PDB file of N, CA and C in Angstrom:
ATOM      1  N   MET A   1     -37.741  20.504 155.297  1.00  0.00           N
ATOM      2  CA  MET A   1     -38.784  20.239 154.350  1.00  0.00           C
ATOM      3  C   MET A   1     -39.030  18.744 154.144  1.00  0.00           C
ATOM      4  N   THR A   2     -38.013  17.946 154.246  1.00  0.00           N
ATOM      5  CA  THR A   2     -38.204  16.506 154.079  1.00  0.00           C
ATOM      6  C   THR A   2     -39.021  15.917 155.219  1.00  0.00           C
ATOM      7  N   THR A   3     -38.953  16.509 156.404  1.00  0.00           N
ATOM      8  CA  THR A   3     -39.743  16.026 157.532  1.00  0.00           C
ATOM      9  C   THR A   3     -41.225  16.228 157.262  1.00  0.00           C
ATOM     10  N   ARG A   4     -41.569  17.340 156.690  1.00  0.00           N
ATOM     11  CA  ARG A   4     -42.970  17.616 156.380  1.00  0.00           C
ATOM     12  C   ARG A   4     -43.484  16.641 155.322  1.00  0.00           C
ATOM     13  N   ASN A   5     -42.714  16.355 154.304  1.00  0.00           N
ATOM     14  CA  ASN A   5     -43.126  15.408 153.281  1.00  0.00           C
ATOM     15  C   ASN A   5     -43.258  14.003 153.858  1.00  0.00           C
ATOM     16  N   LEU A   6     -42.381  13.646 154.780  1.00  0.00           N
ATOM     17  CA  LEU A   6     -42.456  12.346 155.420  1.00  0.00           C
ATOM     18  C   LEU A   6     -43.724  12.231 156.249  1.00  0.00           C
ATOM     19  N   ASN A   7     -44.095  13.265 156.961  1.00  0.00           N
ATOM     20  CA  ASN A   7     -45.319  13.249 157.759  1.00  0.00           C
ATOM     21  C   ASN A   7     -46.554  13.114 156.872  1.00  0.00           C
ATOM     22  N   ASN A   8     -46.566  13.769 155.745  1.00  0.00           N
ATOM     23  CA  ASN A   8     -47.698  13.650 154.832  1.00  0.00           C
ATOM     24  C   ASN A   8     -47.821  12.233 154.290  1.00  0.00           C
ATOM     25  N   SER A   9     -46.702  11.615 153.967  1.00  0.00           N
ATOM     26  CA  SER A   9     -46.767  10.260 153.427  1.00  0.00           C
ATOM     27  C   SER A   9     -47.235   9.267 154.491  1.00  0.00           C
ATOM     28  N   VAL A  10     -46.847   9.471 155.731  1.00  0.00           N
ATOM     29  CA  VAL A  10     -47.303   8.601 156.822  1.00  0.00           C
ATOM     30  C   VAL A  10     -48.801   8.778 157.039  1.00  0.00           C
ATOM     31  N   TYR A  11     -49.295   9.970 156.863  1.00  0.00           N
ATOM     32  CA  TYR A  11     -50.725  10.245 157.022  1.00  0.00           C
ATOM     33  C   TYR A  11     -51.531   9.597 155.906  1.00  0.00           C
ATOM     34  N   TYR A  12     -51.047   9.669 154.684  1.00  0.00           N
ATOM     35  CA  TYR A  12     -51.810   9.175 153.541  1.00  0.00           C
ATOM     36  C   TYR A  12     -51.653   7.684 153.282  1.00  0.00           C
ATOM     37  N   LEU A  13     -50.664   7.041 153.860  1.00  0.00           N
ATOM     38  CA  LEU A  13     -50.424   5.622 153.600  1.00  0.00           C
ATOM     39  C   LEU A  13     -51.594   4.733 154.028  1.00  0.00           C
ATOM     40  N   PRO A  14     -52.150   4.859 155.241  1.00  0.00           N
ATOM     41  CA  PRO A  14     -53.304   4.021 155.596  1.00  0.00           C
ATOM     42  C   PRO A  14     -54.520   4.288 154.707  1.00  0.00           C
ATOM     43  N   LEU A  15     -54.715   5.530 154.337  1.00  0.00           N
ATOM     44  CA  LEU A  15     -55.825   5.869 153.452  1.00  0.00           C
ATOM     45  C   LEU A  15     -55.625   5.255 152.072  1.00  0.00           C
ATOM     46  N   LEU A  16     -54.422   5.303 151.562  1.00  0.00           N
ATOM     47  CA  LEU A  16     -54.108   4.705 150.271  1.00  0.00           C
ATOM     48  C   LEU A  16     -54.301   3.191 150.307  1.00  0.00           C
ATOM     49  N   ILE A  17     -53.888   2.559 151.376  1.00  0.00           N
ATOM     50  CA  ILE A  17     -54.072   1.108 151.510  1.00  0.00           C
ATOM     51  C   ILE A  17     -55.561   0.761 151.566  1.00  0.00           C
ATOM     52  N   LEU A  18     -56.339   1.508 152.329  1.00  0.00           N
ATOM     53  CA  LEU A  18     -57.775   1.261 152.440  1.00  0.00           C
ATOM     54  C   LEU A  18     -58.479   1.416 151.102  1.00  0.00           C
ATOM     55  N   VAL A  19     -58.186   2.481 150.391  1.00  0.00           N
ATOM     56  CA  VAL A  19     -58.803   2.711 149.083  1.00  0.00           C
ATOM     57  C   VAL A  19     -58.389   1.629 148.093  1.00  0.00           C
ATOM     58  N   SER A  20     -57.132   1.229 148.121  1.00  0.00           N
ATOM     59  CA  SER A  20     -56.645   0.189 147.206  1.00  0.00           C
ATOM     60  C   SER A  20     -57.329  -1.148 147.470  1.00  0.00           C
ATOM     61  N   VAL A  21     -57.423  -1.536 148.730  1.00  0.00           N
ATOM     62  CA  VAL A  21     -58.070  -2.804 149.072  1.00  0.00           C
ATOM     63  C   VAL A  21     -59.546  -2.773 148.692  1.00  0.00           C
ATOM     64  N   THR A  22     -60.207  -1.664 148.908  1.00  0.00           N
ATOM     65  CA  THR A  22     -61.619  -1.544 148.546  1.00  0.00           C
ATOM     66  C   THR A  22     -61.812  -1.671 147.050  1.00  0.00           C
ATOM     67  N   ILE A  23     -61.015  -0.983 146.287  1.00  0.00           N
ATOM     68  CA  ILE A  23     -61.143  -1.043 144.825  1.00  0.00           C
ATOM     69  C   ILE A  23     -60.819  -2.443 144.312  1.00  0.00           C
ATOM     70  N   ILE A  24     -59.761  -3.044 144.821  1.00  0.00           N
ATOM     71  CA  ILE A  24     -59.390  -4.399 144.386  1.00  0.00           C
ATOM     72  C   ILE A  24     -60.493  -5.396 144.735  1.00  0.00           C
ATOM     73  N   SER A  25     -61.156  -5.208 145.870  1.00  0.00           N
ATOM     74  CA  SER A  25     -62.229  -6.112 146.274  1.00  0.00           C
ATOM     75  C   SER A  25     -63.477  -5.961 145.410  1.00  0.00           C
ATOM     76  N   LEU A  26     -63.740  -4.767 144.914  1.00  0.00           N
ATOM     77  CA  LEU A  26     -64.969  -4.517 144.165  1.00  0.00           C
ATOM     78  C   LEU A  26     -64.827  -4.671 142.656  1.00  0.00           C
ATOM     79  N   VAL A  27     -63.621  -4.676 142.136  1.00  0.00           N
ATOM     80  CA  VAL A  27     -63.411  -4.771 140.686  1.00  0.00           C
ATOM     81  C   VAL A  27     -64.041  -6.024 140.077  1.00  0.00           C
ATOM     82  N   PRO A  28     -63.952  -7.211 140.703  1.00  0.00           N
ATOM     83  CA  PRO A  28     -64.562  -8.392 140.073  1.00  0.00           C
ATOM     84  C   PRO A  28     -66.080  -8.279 139.878  1.00  0.00           C
ATOM     85  N   PHE A  29     -66.734  -7.424 140.638  1.00  0.00           N
ATOM     86  CA  PHE A  29     -68.185  -7.294 140.556  1.00  0.00           C
ATOM     87  C   PHE A  29     -68.632  -6.089 139.736  1.00  0.00           C
ATOM     88  N   ALA A  30     -67.730  -5.386 139.109  1.00  0.00           N
ATOM     89  CA  ALA A  30     -68.058  -4.149 138.401  1.00  0.00           C
ATOM     90  C   ALA A  30     -68.972  -4.380 137.206  1.00  0.00           C
ATOM     91  N   SER A  31     -68.829  -5.492 136.522  1.00  0.00           N
ATOM     92  CA  SER A  31     -69.653  -5.731 135.337  1.00  0.00           C
ATOM     93  C   SER A  31     -70.843  -6.634 135.625  1.00  0.00           C
ATOM     94  N   LYS A  32     -71.101  -6.930 136.891  1.00  0.00           N
ATOM     95  CA  LYS A  32     -72.187  -7.816 137.285  1.00  0.00           C
ATOM     96  C   LYS A  32     -73.513  -7.067 137.261  1.00  0.00           C
ATOM     97  N   ALA A  33     -74.536  -7.727 136.774  1.00  0.00           N
ATOM     98  CA  ALA A  33     -75.875  -7.130 136.751  1.00  0.00           C
ATOM     99  C   ALA A  33     -76.472  -7.123 138.155  1.00  0.00           C
ATOM    100  N   PHE A  34     -77.538  -6.370 138.336  1.00  0.00           N
ATOM    101  CA  PHE A  34     -78.219  -6.308 139.622  1.00  0.00           C
ATOM    102  C   PHE A  34     -78.976  -7.601 139.886  1.00  0.00           C
ATOM    103  N   ASN A  35     -79.045  -7.995 141.150  1.00  0.00           N
ATOM    104  CA  ASN A  35     -79.873  -9.120 141.557  1.00  0.00           C
ATOM    105  C   ASN A  35     -81.307  -8.669 141.748  1.00  0.00           C
ATOM    106  N   ILE A  36     -82.176  -9.585 142.092  1.00  0.00           N
ATOM    107  CA  ILE A  36     -83.605  -9.293 142.176  1.00  0.00           C
ATOM    108  C   ILE A  36     -83.943  -8.256 143.250  1.00  0.00           C
ATOM    109  N   ASP A  37     -83.232  -8.254 144.384  1.00  0.00           N
ATOM    110  CA  ASP A  37     -83.572  -7.323 145.457  1.00  0.00           C
ATOM    111  C   ASP A  37     -82.713  -6.069 145.479  1.00  0.00           C
ATOM    112  N   GLU A  38     -81.765  -5.944 144.610  1.00  0.00           N
ATOM    113  CA  GLU A  38     -80.886  -4.778 144.641  1.00  0.00           C
ATOM    114  C   GLU A  38     -81.557  -3.475 144.215  1.00  0.00           C
ATOM    115  N   PRO A  39     -82.607  -3.479 143.386  1.00  0.00           N
ATOM    116  CA  PRO A  39     -83.295  -2.203 143.140  1.00  0.00           C
ATOM    117  C   PRO A  39     -83.829  -1.569 144.419  1.00  0.00           C
ATOM    118  N   LEU A  40     -84.236  -2.389 145.387  1.00  0.00           N
ATOM    119  CA  LEU A  40     -84.684  -1.839 146.667  1.00  0.00           C
ATOM    120  C   LEU A  40     -83.573  -1.044 147.327  1.00  0.00           C
ATOM    121  N   PHE A  41     -82.356  -1.583 147.353  1.00  0.00           N
ATOM    122  CA  PHE A  41     -81.242  -0.890 147.978  1.00  0.00           C
ATOM    123  C   PHE A  41     -80.903   0.396 147.227  1.00  0.00           C
ATOM    124  N   ILE A  42     -81.027   0.364 145.917  1.00  0.00           N
ATOM    125  CA  ILE A  42     -80.755   1.561 145.117  1.00  0.00           C
ATOM    126  C   ILE A  42     -81.808   2.627 145.387  1.00  0.00           C
ATOM    127  N   TRP A  43     -83.083   2.227 145.467  1.00  0.00           N
ATOM    128  CA  TRP A  43     -84.151   3.187 145.752  1.00  0.00           C
ATOM    129  C   TRP A  43     -83.995   3.779 147.149  1.00  0.00           C
ATOM    130  N   VAL A  44     -83.631   2.940 148.122  1.00  0.00           N
ATOM    131  CA  VAL A  44     -83.417   3.443 149.477  1.00  0.00           C
ATOM    132  C   VAL A  44     -82.261   4.442 149.488  1.00  0.00           C
ATOM    133  N   ALA A  45     -81.185   4.142 148.788  1.00  0.00           N
ATOM    134  CA  ALA A  45     -80.045   5.058 148.742  1.00  0.00           C
ATOM    135  C   ALA A  45     -80.435   6.394 148.119  1.00  0.00           C
ATOM    136  N   LYS A  46     -81.222   6.367 147.057  1.00  0.00           N
ATOM    137  CA  LYS A  46     -81.677   7.625 146.444  1.00  0.00           C
ATOM    138  C   LYS A  46     -82.576   8.402 147.398  1.00  0.00           C
ATOM    139  N   HIS A  47     -83.440   7.674 148.137  1.00  0.00           N
ATOM    140  CA  HIS A  47     -84.338   8.337 149.075  1.00  0.00           C
ATOM    141  C   HIS A  47     -83.552   8.936 150.243  1.00  0.00           C
ATOM    142  N   ILE A  48     -82.522   8.234 150.709  1.00  0.00           N
ATOM    143  CA  ILE A  48     -81.703   8.745 151.811  1.00  0.00           C
ATOM    144  C   ILE A  48     -80.979  10.022 151.405  1.00  0.00           C
ATOM    145  N   GLN A  49     -80.626  10.149 150.132  1.00  0.00           N
ATOM    146  CA  GLN A  49     -79.977  11.382 149.675  1.00  0.00           C
ATOM    147  C   GLN A  49     -80.904  12.577 149.800  1.00  0.00           C
ATOM    148  N   SER A  50     -82.196  12.379 149.559  1.00  0.00           N
ATOM    149  CA  SER A  50     -83.121  13.497 149.638  1.00  0.00           C
ATOM    150  C   SER A  50     -83.677  13.704 151.048  1.00  0.00           C
ATOM    151  N   ARG A  51     -83.877  12.607 151.806  1.00  0.00           N
ATOM    152  CA  ARG A  51     -84.391  12.691 153.179  1.00  0.00           C
ATOM    153  C   ARG A  51     -83.588  11.749 154.082  1.00  0.00           C
ATOM    154  N   PRO A  52     -82.463  12.198 154.611  1.00  0.00           N
ATOM    155  CA  PRO A  52     -81.552  11.313 155.355  1.00  0.00           C
ATOM    156  C   PRO A  52     -82.143  10.690 156.618  1.00  0.00           C
ATOM    157  N   LEU A  53     -83.119  11.305 157.233  1.00  0.00           N
ATOM    158  CA  LEU A  53     -83.657  10.768 158.491  1.00  0.00           C
ATOM    159  C   LEU A  53     -84.891   9.902 158.291  1.00  0.00           C
ATOM    160  N   ASP A  54     -85.332   9.724 157.070  1.00  0.00           N
ATOM    161  CA  ASP A  54     -86.534   8.932 156.778  1.00  0.00           C
ATOM    162  C   ASP A  54     -86.163   7.848 155.768  1.00  0.00           C
ATOM    163  N   PHE A  55     -85.515   6.778 156.242  1.00  0.00           N
ATOM    164  CA  PHE A  55     -84.921   5.771 155.357  1.00  0.00           C
ATOM    165  C   PHE A  55     -85.941   5.118 154.435  1.00  0.00           C
ATOM    166  N   TYR A  56     -86.999   4.589 155.013  1.00  0.00           N
ATOM    167  CA  TYR A  56     -87.967   3.812 154.237  1.00  0.00           C
ATOM    168  C   TYR A  56     -89.305   4.546 154.118  1.00  0.00           C
ATOM    169  N   GLY A  57     -89.265   5.845 154.015  1.00  0.00           N
ATOM    170  CA  GLY A  57     -90.482   6.643 153.957  1.00  0.00           C
ATOM    171  C   GLY A  57     -91.036   6.772 152.555  1.00  0.00           C
ATOM    172  N   PHE A  58     -91.112   5.688 151.825  1.00  0.00           N
ATOM    173  CA  PHE A  58     -91.679   5.708 150.483  1.00  0.00           C
ATOM    174  C   PHE A  58     -92.307   4.348 150.206  1.00  0.00           C
ATOM    175  N   LYS A  59     -93.184   4.322 149.216  1.00  0.00           N
ATOM    176  CA  LYS A  59     -93.873   3.083 148.859  1.00  0.00           C
ATOM    177  C   LYS A  59     -93.219   2.461 147.637  1.00  0.00           C
ATOM    178  N   ILE A  60     -93.224   1.145 147.590  1.00  0.00           N
ATOM    179  CA  ILE A  60     -92.659   0.402 146.473  1.00  0.00           C
ATOM    180  C   ILE A  60     -93.739  -0.473 145.855  1.00  0.00           C
ATOM    181  N   ASN A  61     -93.850  -0.403 144.549  1.00  0.00           N
ATOM    182  CA  ASN A  61     -94.791  -1.247 143.828  1.00  0.00           C
ATOM    183  C   ASN A  61     -93.962  -2.181 142.958  1.00  0.00           C
ATOM    184  N   TRP A  62     -93.788  -3.425 143.420  1.00  0.00           N
ATOM    185  CA  TRP A  62     -92.956  -4.392 142.704  1.00  0.00           C
ATOM    186  C   TRP A  62     -93.625  -4.918 141.448  1.00  0.00           C
ATOM    187  N   TYR A  63     -94.949  -4.883 141.410  1.00  0.00           N
ATOM    188  CA  TYR A  63     -95.671  -5.548 140.324  1.00  0.00           C
ATOM    189  C   TYR A  63     -96.170  -4.585 139.243  1.00  0.00           C
ATOM    190  N   GLY A  64     -96.058  -3.302 139.432  1.00  0.00           N
ATOM    191  CA  GLY A  64     -96.431  -2.336 138.415  1.00  0.00           C
ATOM    192  C   GLY A  64     -97.912  -2.173 138.211  1.00  0.00           C
ATOM    193  N   SER A  65     -98.710  -2.563 139.186  1.00  0.00           N
ATOM    194  CA  SER A  65    -100.172  -2.412 139.028  1.00  0.00           C
ATOM    195  C   SER A  65    -100.725  -1.455 140.054  1.00  0.00           C
TER     196      SER A  65
END
């Protein structure tokens, strides 16, 4: 039984390191406001969720007119 637990820990160790490094890298920016062009990236991400093969298949009106 200890061999099986050892194999699981070896499998999860690289994943744990990757997740830890990612979180540590992003924590300083967690309370940062969006920059001027970041709404575009957010809109594209929302559009990709609904239509994954049509990345920029929508119109953007930056000026509200």
